[in-house]
């Protein structure tokens, strides 16, 4: 490994430790015997599930010099841990805190939303690893472009719908399921938009716009549903299946369809 790769690895180890401290450290040491299974199973299931997705991509779809060398597999796996750790911190600033909402308040709606967010970001980072490229900074650029788009869409949508309040204050399980479905579906679209061989930053950006714009349609539907199905005094607990599970599955299916329609990278 080159000097800049070793430095990047050290930085990623530090970021990963800090970023995952609240998630894994909280699960192990913060009231581990007092939490309800309704929130705990998601927090234990989705990190290893996301890790399996990431490993499969690294072994099968990454650049040849990565998938043929265990050192680089480990390097990009640590980078993924750092990436998802940073995004976990970003969710806290955007209204969804794993420690506060999931561990302390035992909010199943927040647990569902954040678990979907973890998978969505994993799909994006996996997309950034797909294809041939000259180095780790290519992954950072590609995945950063798509991750910034996902966070921006969530921020703008929340300004319109106050979805975070529905999840964290009203504890609306339907809103949590819709958010999880949107994160996963959008992650599939945006991850596919940055997948492929590297040519240049300009070409990657152009391809991202050309392939990733359907996420705006998904976002528009999500915002419309969040406004229509949010809790009201007349309907304080919207039906979980009708207003949550089914829309969430629709978002995931739409992301998968768009992923397939884009064809091979």
C-alpha atoms as a PDB file:
ATOM      1  CA  UNK A   1       0.000   0.000   0.000  1.00  0.00           C
ATOM      2  CA  UNK A   2       1.203   3.508  -0.804  1.00  0.00           C
ATOM      3  CA  UNK A   3       1.788   6.252   1.746  1.00  0.00           C
ATOM      4  CA  UNK A   4      -1.457   8.071   1.008  1.00  0.00           C
ATOM      5  CA  UNK A   5      -3.404   4.801   1.328  1.00  0.00           C
ATOM      6  CA  UNK A   6      -1.859   4.104   4.727  1.00  0.00           C
ATOM      7  CA  UNK A   7      -2.735   7.625   5.866  1.00  0.00           C
ATOM      8  CA  UNK A   8      -6.273   7.240   4.559  1.00  0.00           C
ATOM      9  CA  UNK A   9      -6.568   3.912   6.391  1.00  0.00           C
ATOM     10  CA  UNK A  10      -5.467   5.466   9.685  1.00  0.00           C
ATOM     11  CA  UNK A  11      -7.945   8.310   9.289  1.00  0.00           C
ATOM     12  CA  UNK A  12     -10.735   5.858   8.417  1.00  0.00           C
ATOM     13  CA  UNK A  13     -10.007   3.698  11.457  1.00  0.00           C
ATOM     14  CA  UNK A  14     -10.331   6.749  13.701  1.00  0.00           C
ATOM     15  CA  UNK A  15     -13.519   7.953  12.010  1.00  0.00           C
ATOM     16  CA  UNK A  16     -15.028   4.472  12.052  1.00  0.00           C
ATOM     17  CA  UNK A  17     -14.343   4.112  15.774  1.00  0.00           C
ATOM     18  CA  UNK A  18     -15.895   7.473  16.571  1.00  0.00           C
ATOM     19  CA  UNK A  19     -18.789   7.039  14.161  1.00  0.00           C
ATOM     20  CA  UNK A  20     -19.812   3.570  15.343  1.00  0.00           C
ATOM     21  CA  UNK A  21     -19.264   4.299  19.009  1.00  0.00           C
ATOM     22  CA  UNK A  22     -22.864   5.341  19.614  1.00  0.00           C
ATOM     23  CA  UNK A  23     -24.305   2.426  17.602  1.00  0.00           C
ATOM     24  CA  UNK A  24     -22.283  -0.620  18.650  1.00  0.00           C
ATOM     25  CA  UNK A  25     -21.006   0.816  21.919  1.00  0.00           C
ATOM     26  CA  UNK A  26     -24.534   1.820  22.839  1.00  0.00           C
ATOM     27  CA  UNK A  27     -25.906  -1.626  22.017  1.00  0.00           C
ATOM     28  CA  UNK A  28     -23.290  -3.339  24.153  1.00  0.00           C
ATOM     29  CA  UNK A  29     -23.039  -1.006  27.120  1.00  0.00           C
ATOM     30  CA  UNK A  30     -26.031   1.386  27.255  1.00  0.00           C
ATOM     31  CA  UNK A  31     -28.838  -0.345  29.181  1.00  0.00           C
ATOM     32  CA  UNK A  32     -28.430  -3.572  27.152  1.00  0.00           C
ATOM     33  CA  UNK A  33     -30.828  -5.570  29.345  1.00  0.00           C
ATOM     34  CA  UNK A  34     -33.525  -2.922  29.587  1.00  0.00           C
ATOM     35  CA  UNK A  35     -34.222  -2.367  25.901  1.00  0.00           C
ATOM     36  CA  UNK A  36     -37.196  -3.891  24.181  1.00  0.00           C
ATOM     37  CA  UNK A  37     -36.788  -6.358  21.347  1.00  0.00           C
ATOM     38  CA  UNK A  38     -38.933  -4.078  19.141  1.00  0.00           C
ATOM     39  CA  UNK A  39     -35.997  -1.685  18.721  1.00  0.00           C
ATOM     40  CA  UNK A  40     -33.046  -3.927  19.495  1.00  0.00           C
ATOM     41  CA  UNK A  41     -33.374  -6.515  16.701  1.00  0.00           C
ATOM     42  CA  UNK A  42     -33.066  -3.888  13.954  1.00  0.00           C
ATOM     43  CA  UNK A  43     -29.937  -2.423  15.486  1.00  0.00           C
ATOM     44  CA  UNK A  44     -28.275  -5.850  15.617  1.00  0.00           C
ATOM     45  CA  UNK A  45     -29.472  -7.127  12.225  1.00  0.00           C
ATOM     46  CA  UNK A  46     -28.830  -4.319   9.775  1.00  0.00           C
ATOM     47  CA  UNK A  47     -25.099  -3.567  10.364  1.00  0.00           C
ATOM     48  CA  UNK A  48     -23.988  -7.136   9.523  1.00  0.00           C
ATOM     49  CA  UNK A  49     -26.493  -7.254   6.648  1.00  0.00           C
ATOM     50  CA  UNK A  50     -25.013  -4.062   5.223  1.00  0.00           C
ATOM     51  CA  UNK A  51     -21.526  -5.485   5.770  1.00  0.00           C
ATOM     52  CA  UNK A  52     -22.399  -8.589   3.766  1.00  0.00           C
ATOM     53  CA  UNK A  53     -23.615  -6.381   0.897  1.00  0.00           C
ATOM     54  CA  UNK A  54     -20.404  -4.377   1.001  1.00  0.00           C
ATOM     55  CA  UNK A  55     -18.178  -7.463   1.083  1.00  0.00           C
ATOM     56  CA  UNK A  56     -20.004  -9.066  -1.823  1.00  0.00           C
ATOM     57  CA  UNK A  57     -19.496  -5.954  -3.948  1.00  0.00           C
ATOM     58  CA  UNK A  58     -15.820  -5.705  -3.016  1.00  0.00           C
ATOM     59  CA  UNK A  59     -15.179  -9.369  -3.870  1.00  0.00           C
ATOM     60  CA  UNK A  60     -17.169  -9.388  -7.096  1.00  0.00           C
ATOM     61  CA  UNK A  61     -17.552  -5.900  -8.586  1.00  0.00           C
ATOM     62  CA  UNK A  62     -14.650  -3.746  -7.396  1.00  0.00           C
ATOM     63  CA  UNK A  63     -11.546  -2.986  -9.458  1.00  0.00           C
ATOM     64  CA  UNK A  64      -9.350  -6.004 -10.236  1.00  0.00           C
ATOM     65  CA  UNK A  65      -6.506  -4.819  -8.032  1.00  0.00           C
ATOM     66  CA  UNK A  66      -8.952  -4.571  -5.121  1.00  0.00           C
ATOM     67  CA  UNK A  67     -10.797  -7.866  -5.380  1.00  0.00           C
ATOM     68  CA  UNK A  68      -7.561  -9.788  -5.954  1.00  0.00           C
ATOM     69  CA  UNK A  69      -5.848  -8.433  -2.835  1.00  0.00           C
ATOM     70  CA  UNK A  70      -7.156  -9.067   0.727  1.00  0.00           C
ATOM     71  CA  UNK A  71      -5.351  -5.937   1.962  1.00  0.00           C
ATOM     72  CA  UNK A  72      -7.455  -3.728  -0.285  1.00  0.00           C
ATOM     73  CA  UNK A  73     -10.639  -5.597   0.588  1.00  0.00           C
ATOM     74  CA  UNK A  74      -9.924  -4.793   4.233  1.00  0.00           C
ATOM     75  CA  UNK A  75      -8.972  -1.206   3.349  1.00  0.00           C
ATOM     76  CA  UNK A  76     -12.252  -0.447   1.597  1.00  0.00           C
ATOM     77  CA  UNK A  77     -14.253  -2.290   4.240  1.00  0.00           C
ATOM     78  CA  UNK A  78     -12.750   0.008   6.884  1.00  0.00           C
ATOM     79  CA  UNK A  79     -13.490   2.956   4.615  1.00  0.00           C
ATOM     80  CA  UNK A  80     -17.123   1.791   4.439  1.00  0.00           C
ATOM     81  CA  UNK A  81     -17.258   1.667   8.238  1.00  0.00           C
ATOM     82  CA  UNK A  82     -15.930   5.222   8.360  1.00  0.00           C
ATOM     83  CA  UNK A  83     -18.398   6.349   5.689  1.00  0.00           C
ATOM     84  CA  UNK A  84     -21.433   4.892   7.426  1.00  0.00           C
ATOM     85  CA  UNK A  85     -20.153   6.172  10.759  1.00  0.00           C
ATOM     86  CA  UNK A  86     -19.983   9.695   9.370  1.00  0.00           C
ATOM     87  CA  UNK A  87     -23.481   9.353   7.945  1.00  0.00           C
ATOM     88  CA  UNK A  88     -24.779   8.130  11.285  1.00  0.00           C
ATOM     89  CA  UNK A  89     -23.504  11.385  12.768  1.00  0.00           C
ATOM     90  CA  UNK A  90     -25.070  13.326   9.898  1.00  0.00           C
ATOM     91  CA  UNK A  91     -28.478  11.773  10.604  1.00  0.00           C
ATOM     92  CA  UNK A  92     -28.213  13.109  14.160  1.00  0.00           C
ATOM     93  CA  UNK A  93     -27.815  16.662  12.852  1.00  0.00           C
ATOM     94  CA  UNK A  94     -30.707  16.056  10.440  1.00  0.00           C
ATOM     95  CA  UNK A  95     -33.096  14.952  13.171  1.00  0.00           C
ATOM     96  CA  UNK A  96     -32.567  11.192  13.665  1.00  0.00           C
ATOM     97  CA  UNK A  97     -30.257  10.148  16.500  1.00  0.00           C
ATOM     98  CA  UNK A  98     -29.494   6.493  17.118  1.00  0.00           C
ATOM     99  CA  UNK A  99     -28.477   6.986  20.727  1.00  0.00           C
ATOM    100  CA  UNK A 100     -31.239   9.438  21.659  1.00  0.00           C
ATOM    101  CA  UNK A 101     -34.160   8.055  19.665  1.00  0.00           C
ATOM    102  CA  UNK A 102     -33.382   4.340  19.488  1.00  0.00           C
ATOM    103  CA  UNK A 103     -31.408   3.520  22.628  1.00  0.00           C
ATOM    104  CA  UNK A 104     -32.720   6.050  25.129  1.00  0.00           C
ATOM    105  CA  UNK A 105     -36.320   6.477  23.940  1.00  0.00           C
ATOM    106  CA  UNK A 106     -36.686   2.975  22.450  1.00  0.00           C
ATOM    107  CA  UNK A 107     -38.439   4.374  19.392  1.00  0.00           C
ATOM    108  CA  UNK A 108     -39.121   1.588  16.846  1.00  0.00           C
ATOM    109  CA  UNK A 109     -40.008   4.113  14.123  1.00  0.00           C
ATOM    110  CA  UNK A 110     -36.565   5.722  14.435  1.00  0.00           C
ATOM    111  CA  UNK A 111     -34.891   2.295  14.529  1.00  0.00           C
ATOM    112  CA  UNK A 112     -36.566   1.373  11.247  1.00  0.00           C
ATOM    113  CA  UNK A 113     -35.706   4.679   9.554  1.00  0.00           C
ATOM    114  CA  UNK A 114     -32.042   4.600  10.610  1.00  0.00           C
ATOM    115  CA  UNK A 115     -31.668   0.949   9.611  1.00  0.00           C
ATOM    116  CA  UNK A 116     -32.957   1.839   6.153  1.00  0.00           C
ATOM    117  CA  UNK A 117     -30.587   4.789   6.080  1.00  0.00           C
ATOM    118  CA  UNK A 118     -27.655   2.485   6.845  1.00  0.00           C
ATOM    119  CA  UNK A 119     -28.565   0.202   3.936  1.00  0.00           C
ATOM    120  CA  UNK A 120     -29.156   3.131   1.586  1.00  0.00           C
ATOM    121  CA  UNK A 121     -25.751   4.658   2.305  1.00  0.00           C
ATOM    122  CA  UNK A 122     -24.162   1.215   1.955  1.00  0.00           C
ATOM    123  CA  UNK A 123     -25.661   0.821  -1.526  1.00  0.00           C
ATOM    124  CA  UNK A 124     -24.258   4.236  -2.433  1.00  0.00           C
ATOM    125  CA  UNK A 125     -20.766   3.483  -1.140  1.00  0.00           C
ATOM    126  CA  UNK A 126     -20.876   0.073  -2.817  1.00  0.00           C
ATOM    127  CA  UNK A 127     -21.756   1.796  -6.096  1.00  0.00           C
ATOM    128  CA  UNK A 128     -18.748   4.061  -5.699  1.00  0.00           C
ATOM    129  CA  UNK A 129     -16.560   0.942  -5.458  1.00  0.00           C
ATOM    130  CA  UNK A 130     -17.890  -0.689  -8.617  1.00  0.00           C
ATOM    131  CA  UNK A 131     -15.645  -0.507 -11.666  1.00  0.00           C
ATOM    132  CA  UNK A 132     -12.021   0.250 -12.444  1.00  0.00           C
ATOM    133  CA  UNK A 133     -10.367   3.375 -11.076  1.00  0.00           C
ATOM    134  CA  UNK A 134      -6.964   4.840 -10.183  1.00  0.00           C
ATOM    135  CA  UNK A 135      -7.333   4.964  -6.394  1.00  0.00           C
ATOM    136  CA  UNK A 136      -9.337   5.388  -3.198  1.00  0.00           C
ATOM    137  CA  UNK A 137     -10.052   9.059  -3.859  1.00  0.00           C
ATOM    138  CA  UNK A 138     -12.201   8.016  -6.843  1.00  0.00           C
ATOM    139  CA  UNK A 139     -14.461   6.108  -4.430  1.00  0.00           C
ATOM    140  CA  UNK A 140     -14.636   9.109  -2.114  1.00  0.00           C
ATOM    141  CA  UNK A 141     -15.587  11.441  -4.963  1.00  0.00           C
ATOM    142  CA  UNK A 142     -18.226   9.140  -6.448  1.00  0.00           C
ATOM    143  CA  UNK A 143     -19.801   8.038  -3.176  1.00  0.00           C
ATOM    144  CA  UNK A 144     -19.570  11.584  -1.811  1.00  0.00           C
ATOM    145  CA  UNK A 145     -21.524  12.941  -4.765  1.00  0.00           C
ATOM    146  CA  UNK A 146     -24.339  10.436  -4.264  1.00  0.00           C
ATOM    147  CA  UNK A 147     -24.355  10.620  -0.461  1.00  0.00           C
ATOM    148  CA  UNK A 148     -24.580  14.409  -0.531  1.00  0.00           C
ATOM    149  CA  UNK A 149     -27.589  14.110  -2.850  1.00  0.00           C
ATOM    150  CA  UNK A 150     -29.328  11.672  -0.492  1.00  0.00           C
ATOM    151  CA  UNK A 151     -28.736  13.842   2.581  1.00  0.00           C
ATOM    152  CA  UNK A 152     -29.847  16.965   0.720  1.00  0.00           C
ATOM    153  CA  UNK A 153     -33.060  15.313  -0.432  1.00  0.00           C
ATOM    154  CA  UNK A 154     -33.832  14.196   3.118  1.00  0.00           C
ATOM    155  CA  UNK A 155     -33.092  17.673   4.474  1.00  0.00           C
ATOM    156  CA  UNK A 156     -35.305  19.407   1.912  1.00  0.00           C
ATOM    157  CA  UNK A 157     -38.080  16.867   2.300  1.00  0.00           C
ATOM    158  CA  UNK A 158     -38.052  17.212   6.058  1.00  0.00           C
ATOM    159  CA  UNK A 159     -38.376  20.975   5.749  1.00  0.00           C
ATOM    160  CA  UNK A 160     -41.608  20.440   3.821  1.00  0.00           C
ATOM    161  CA  UNK A 161     -43.097  17.481   5.686  1.00  0.00           C
ATOM    162  CA  UNK A 162     -41.543  17.498   9.187  1.00  0.00           C
ATOM    163  CA  UNK A 163     -41.062  13.753   8.771  1.00  0.00           C
ATOM    164  CA  UNK A 164     -38.481  13.681  11.578  1.00  0.00           C
ATOM    165  CA  UNK A 165     -41.065  14.983  14.041  1.00  0.00           C
ATOM    166  CA  UNK A 166     -43.499  12.287  12.975  1.00  0.00           C
ATOM    167  CA  UNK A 167     -40.791   9.669  13.578  1.00  0.00           C
ATOM    168  CA  UNK A 168     -39.132  10.989  16.728  1.00  0.00           C
ATOM    169  CA  UNK A 169     -41.973  12.812  18.521  1.00  0.00           C
ATOM    170  CA  UNK A 170     -45.131  11.085  17.303  1.00  0.00           C
ATOM    171  CA  UNK A 171     -43.275   7.746  17.105  1.00  0.00           C
ATOM    172  CA  UNK A 172     -45.195   7.055  13.902  1.00  0.00           C
ATOM    173  CA  UNK A 173     -44.138   3.603  12.715  1.00  0.00           C
ATOM    174  CA  UNK A 174     -45.617   4.259   9.262  1.00  0.00           C
ATOM    175  CA  UNK A 175     -43.388   7.316   8.814  1.00  0.00           C
ATOM    176  CA  UNK A 176     -40.361   5.259   9.899  1.00  0.00           C
ATOM    177  CA  UNK A 177     -41.157   2.537   7.365  1.00  0.00           C
ATOM    178  CA  UNK A 178     -41.628   5.093   4.576  1.00  0.00           C
ATOM    179  CA  UNK A 179     -38.312   6.748   5.440  1.00  0.00           C
ATOM    180  CA  UNK A 180     -36.505   3.391   5.454  1.00  0.00           C
ATOM    181  CA  UNK A 181     -38.002   2.457   2.091  1.00  0.00           C
ATOM    182  CA  UNK A 182     -37.044   5.811   0.604  1.00  0.00           C
ATOM    183  CA  UNK A 183     -33.454   5.553   1.863  1.00  0.00           C
ATOM    184  CA  UNK A 184     -33.048   2.063   0.413  1.00  0.00           C
ATOM    185  CA  UNK A 185     -34.728   2.846  -2.912  1.00  0.00           C
ATOM    186  CA  UNK A 186     -32.833   6.113  -3.311  1.00  0.00           C
ATOM    187  CA  UNK A 187     -29.596   4.380  -2.316  1.00  0.00           C
ATOM    188  CA  UNK A 188     -30.071   1.840  -5.091  1.00  0.00           C
ATOM    189  CA  UNK A 189     -30.693   4.559  -7.686  1.00  0.00           C
ATOM    190  CA  UNK A 190     -27.872   6.854  -6.567  1.00  0.00           C
ATOM    191  CA  UNK A 191     -25.426   3.989  -6.048  1.00  0.00           C
ATOM    192  CA  UNK A 192     -26.074   2.749  -9.572  1.00  0.00           C
ATOM    193  CA  UNK A 193     -25.654   6.293 -10.878  1.00  0.00           C
ATOM    194  CA  UNK A 194     -22.024   6.435  -9.700  1.00  0.00           C
ATOM    195  CA  UNK A 195     -21.107   2.825 -10.550  1.00  0.00           C
ATOM    196  CA  UNK A 196     -18.788   2.011 -13.417  1.00  0.00           C
ATOM    197  CA  UNK A 197     -15.264   2.632 -14.635  1.00  0.00           C
ATOM    198  CA  UNK A 198     -13.668   5.988 -13.787  1.00  0.00           C
ATOM    199  CA  UNK A 199     -12.874   8.415 -16.608  1.00  0.00           C
ATOM    200  CA  UNK A 200     -12.873  11.859 -15.009  1.00  0.00           C
ATOM    201  CA  UNK A 201     -14.640  13.897 -12.349  1.00  0.00           C
ATOM    202  CA  UNK A 202     -16.609  15.728 -15.014  1.00  0.00           C
ATOM    203  CA  UNK A 203     -17.720  12.521 -16.700  1.00  0.00           C
ATOM    204  CA  UNK A 204     -18.692  10.965 -13.368  1.00  0.00           C
ATOM    205  CA  UNK A 205     -20.782  14.017 -12.497  1.00  0.00           C
ATOM    206  CA  UNK A 206     -22.468  14.007 -15.901  1.00  0.00           C
ATOM    207  CA  UNK A 207     -23.222  10.273 -15.626  1.00  0.00           C
ATOM    208  CA  UNK A 208     -24.542  10.788 -12.103  1.00  0.00           C
ATOM    209  CA  UNK A 209     -27.011  13.415 -13.290  1.00  0.00           C
ATOM    210  CA  UNK A 210     -28.067  11.397 -16.326  1.00  0.00           C
ATOM    211  CA  UNK A 211     -28.596   8.179 -14.387  1.00  0.00           C
ATOM    212  CA  UNK A 212     -29.586   9.502 -10.995  1.00  0.00           C
ATOM    213  CA  UNK A 213     -32.338  12.001 -11.838  1.00  0.00           C
ATOM    214  CA  UNK A 214     -35.157   9.420 -11.307  1.00  0.00           C
ATOM    215  CA  UNK A 215     -34.455   9.713  -7.585  1.00  0.00           C
ATOM    216  CA  UNK A 216     -36.236  13.081  -7.798  1.00  0.00           C
ATOM    217  CA  UNK A 217     -39.432  11.279  -8.804  1.00  0.00           C
ATOM    218  CA  UNK A 218     -39.044   8.923  -5.847  1.00  0.00           C
ATOM    219  CA  UNK A 219     -38.451  11.908  -3.574  1.00  0.00           C
ATOM    220  CA  UNK A 220     -41.538  13.714  -4.871  1.00  0.00           C
ATOM    221  CA  UNK A 221     -43.713  10.690  -4.137  1.00  0.00           C
ATOM    222  CA  UNK A 222     -42.145  10.332  -0.684  1.00  0.00           C
ATOM    223  CA  UNK A 223     -42.767  13.996   0.164  1.00  0.00           C
ATOM    224  CA  UNK A 224     -46.362  13.775  -1.043  1.00  0.00           C
ATOM    225  CA  UNK A 225     -47.011  10.667   1.053  1.00  0.00           C
ATOM    226  CA  UNK A 226     -45.345  12.167   4.124  1.00  0.00           C
ATOM    227  CA  UNK A 227     -47.613  15.191   3.895  1.00  0.00           C
ATOM    228  CA  UNK A 228     -50.754  13.146   3.272  1.00  0.00           C
ATOM    229  CA  UNK A 229     -50.125  10.375   5.811  1.00  0.00           C
ATOM    230  CA  UNK A 230     -48.577  12.317   8.700  1.00  0.00           C
ATOM    231  CA  UNK A 231     -50.261  11.944  12.107  1.00  0.00           C
ATOM    232  CA  UNK A 232     -53.132  14.323  12.867  1.00  0.00           C
ATOM    233  CA  UNK A 233     -55.421  14.790  15.889  1.00  0.00           C
ATOM    234  CA  UNK A 234     -58.089  12.888  13.958  1.00  0.00           C
ATOM    235  CA  UNK A 235     -55.608  10.158  12.926  1.00  0.00           C
ATOM    236  CA  UNK A 236     -52.859  10.055  15.568  1.00  0.00           C
ATOM    237  CA  UNK A 237     -51.570   6.622  14.483  1.00  0.00           C
ATOM    238  CA  UNK A 238     -51.858   6.046  10.713  1.00  0.00           C
ATOM    239  CA  UNK A 239     -52.159   2.419   9.698  1.00  0.00           C
ATOM    240  CA  UNK A 240     -48.658   0.936   9.760  1.00  0.00           C
ATOM    241  CA  UNK A 241     -49.160  -1.393   6.802  1.00  0.00           C
ATOM    242  CA  UNK A 242     -51.246   0.829   4.543  1.00  0.00           C
ATOM    243  CA  UNK A 243     -49.305   4.052   5.083  1.00  0.00           C
ATOM    244  CA  UNK A 244     -45.895   2.612   5.971  1.00  0.00           C
ATOM    245  CA  UNK A 245     -44.984  -0.891   4.874  1.00  0.00           C
ATOM    246  CA  UNK A 246     -46.644  -0.761   1.444  1.00  0.00           C
ATOM    247  CA  UNK A 247     -45.193   2.655   0.455  1.00  0.00           C
ATOM    248  CA  UNK A 248     -41.808   1.562   1.798  1.00  0.00           C
ATOM    249  CA  UNK A 249     -41.893  -1.574  -0.329  1.00  0.00           C
ATOM    250  CA  UNK A 250     -42.942   0.532  -3.304  1.00  0.00           C
ATOM    251  CA  UNK A 251     -39.883   2.777  -2.860  1.00  0.00           C
ATOM    252  CA  UNK A 252     -37.591  -0.249  -2.650  1.00  0.00           C
ATOM    253  CA  UNK A 253     -39.185  -1.878  -5.693  1.00  0.00           C
ATOM    254  CA  UNK A 254     -38.938   1.361  -7.667  1.00  0.00           C
ATOM    255  CA  UNK A 255     -35.246   1.619  -6.789  1.00  0.00           C
ATOM    256  CA  UNK A 256     -34.654  -1.982  -7.846  1.00  0.00           C
ATOM    257  CA  UNK A 257     -36.497  -1.487 -11.148  1.00  0.00           C
ATOM    258  CA  UNK A 258     -34.474   1.622 -11.957  1.00  0.00           C
ATOM    259  CA  UNK A 259     -31.286  -0.198 -10.969  1.00  0.00           C
ATOM    260  CA  UNK A 260     -32.102  -3.023 -13.382  1.00  0.00           C
ATOM    261  CA  UNK A 261     -33.200  -0.730 -16.192  1.00  0.00           C
ATOM    262  CA  UNK A 262     -29.836   1.036 -16.115  1.00  0.00           C
ATOM    263  CA  UNK A 263     -28.260  -2.222 -17.283  1.00  0.00           C
ATOM    264  CA  UNK A 264     -24.707  -3.427 -16.626  1.00  0.00           C
ATOM    265  CA  UNK A 265     -22.028  -0.929 -15.675  1.00  0.00           C
END
